[in-house]
Amino acid sequence: MARQRRSATRWIRIIHRWISMTFVVVAAFLILPVIPPGPAYDAVSTVAIVLLLGLLVTGIWMSIHHYVVKSRAPRRARSAAQPAA
């Protein structure tokens, strides 16, 4: 059986999901007193910020993509409703 190609939207959603799960774990390490203050804490904080920026980018892309698809839908419906001459 041939593998189906995944669209960019599907990949972005998968990436967003994994980034969010990773961010939750990293944030838990920062909130709970697991890591003492110092260089390790600073490194984990930096990782949390990078993950948060990744969530920002993928979330904005998914939001914009939603509205682009939504704005194109009426045009497709109008052109499909017109009979061929």
Protein backbone atom coordinates (compact mmCIF):
# COMPACT_ATOMS: atom_id res chain seq x y z
CA MET A 1 0.00 0.00 0.00
CA ALA A 2 1.32 3.43 -0.94
CA ARG A 3 1.96 5.97 1.78
CA GLN A 4 -0.19 9.05 1.68
CA ARG A 5 1.57 12.38 1.58
CA ARG A 6 0.85 14.62 4.52
CA SER A 7 -0.01 18.21 3.82
CA ALA A 8 1.95 21.07 5.31
CA THR A 9 -0.96 21.86 7.61
CA ARG A 10 -0.92 18.35 9.03
CA TRP A 11 2.86 18.53 9.64
CA ILE A 12 2.53 21.93 11.33
CA ARG A 13 -0.19 20.55 13.63
CA ILE A 14 1.97 17.53 14.54
CA ILE A 15 5.00 19.75 15.21
CA HIS A 16 2.86 22.16 17.27
CA ARG A 17 1.50 19.27 19.33
CA TRP A 18 4.97 17.89 20.13
CA ILE A 19 6.38 21.32 20.93
CA SER A 20 3.49 21.98 23.32
CA MET A 21 4.01 18.68 25.15
CA THR A 22 7.74 19.37 25.46
CA PHE A 23 7.04 22.90 26.66
CA VAL A 24 4.73 21.62 29.40
CA VAL A 25 7.46 19.29 30.69
CA VAL A 26 10.11 22.03 30.61
CA ALA A 27 7.75 24.50 32.30
CA ALA A 28 7.03 21.94 35.01
CA PHE A 29 10.78 21.65 35.68
CA LEU A 30 10.97 25.44 36.00
CA ILE A 31 7.90 25.80 38.22
CA LEU A 32 8.62 22.88 40.52
CA PRO A 33 11.82 23.15 42.55
CA VAL A 34 13.53 20.33 40.61
CA ILE A 35 16.48 22.35 39.34
CA PRO A 36 18.41 24.61 41.73
CA PRO A 37 19.12 28.16 40.53
CA GLY A 38 22.30 28.39 38.50
CA PRO A 39 23.59 27.69 34.99
CA ALA A 40 21.36 24.62 34.50
CA TYR A 41 18.27 26.62 35.45
CA ASP A 42 19.25 29.35 32.99
CA ALA A 43 19.71 26.77 30.22
CA VAL A 44 16.30 25.21 30.88
CA SER A 45 14.76 28.70 30.89
CA THR A 46 16.31 29.37 27.50
CA VAL A 47 14.91 26.09 26.16
CA ALA A 48 11.46 27.08 27.45
CA ILE A 49 11.66 30.43 25.65
CA VAL A 50 12.73 28.77 22.39
CA LEU A 51 9.87 26.27 22.66
CA LEU A 52 7.45 29.10 23.38
CA LEU A 53 8.62 30.92 20.25
CA GLY A 54 8.08 27.71 18.27
CA LEU A 55 4.54 27.51 19.62
CA LEU A 56 4.00 31.14 18.65
CA VAL A 57 5.13 30.61 15.05
CA THR A 58 3.19 27.39 14.47
CA GLY A 59 0.09 28.75 16.21
CA ILE A 60 0.08 31.91 14.11
CA TRP A 61 0.55 29.87 10.94
CA MET A 62 -2.37 27.58 11.81
CA SER A 63 -4.56 30.56 12.63
CA ILE A 64 -3.74 32.44 9.44
CA HIS A 65 -4.12 29.28 7.36
CA HIS A 66 -7.58 28.75 8.81
CA TYR A 67 -8.77 32.19 7.72
CA VAL A 68 -7.18 31.90 4.27
CA VAL A 69 -8.98 28.60 3.65
CA LYS A 70 -12.20 30.04 5.05
CA SER A 71 -12.00 33.09 2.76
CA ARG A 72 -11.43 30.90 -0.32
CA ALA A 73 -14.39 28.59 0.39
CA PRO A 74 -17.17 30.89 -0.91
CA ARG A 75 -15.29 31.50 -4.16
CA ARG A 76 -15.01 27.78 -4.79
CA ALA A 77 -18.69 27.29 -4.10
CA ARG A 78 -19.70 30.08 -6.51
CA SER A 79 -17.50 28.79 -9.32
CA ALA A 80 -18.73 25.21 -8.83
CA ALA A 81 -22.38 26.35 -8.88
CA GLN A 82 -22.06 28.01 -12.32
CA PRO A 83 -22.88 25.58 -15.12
CA ALA A 84 -20.38 25.16 -17.92
CA ALA A 85 -21.39 27.01 -21.08
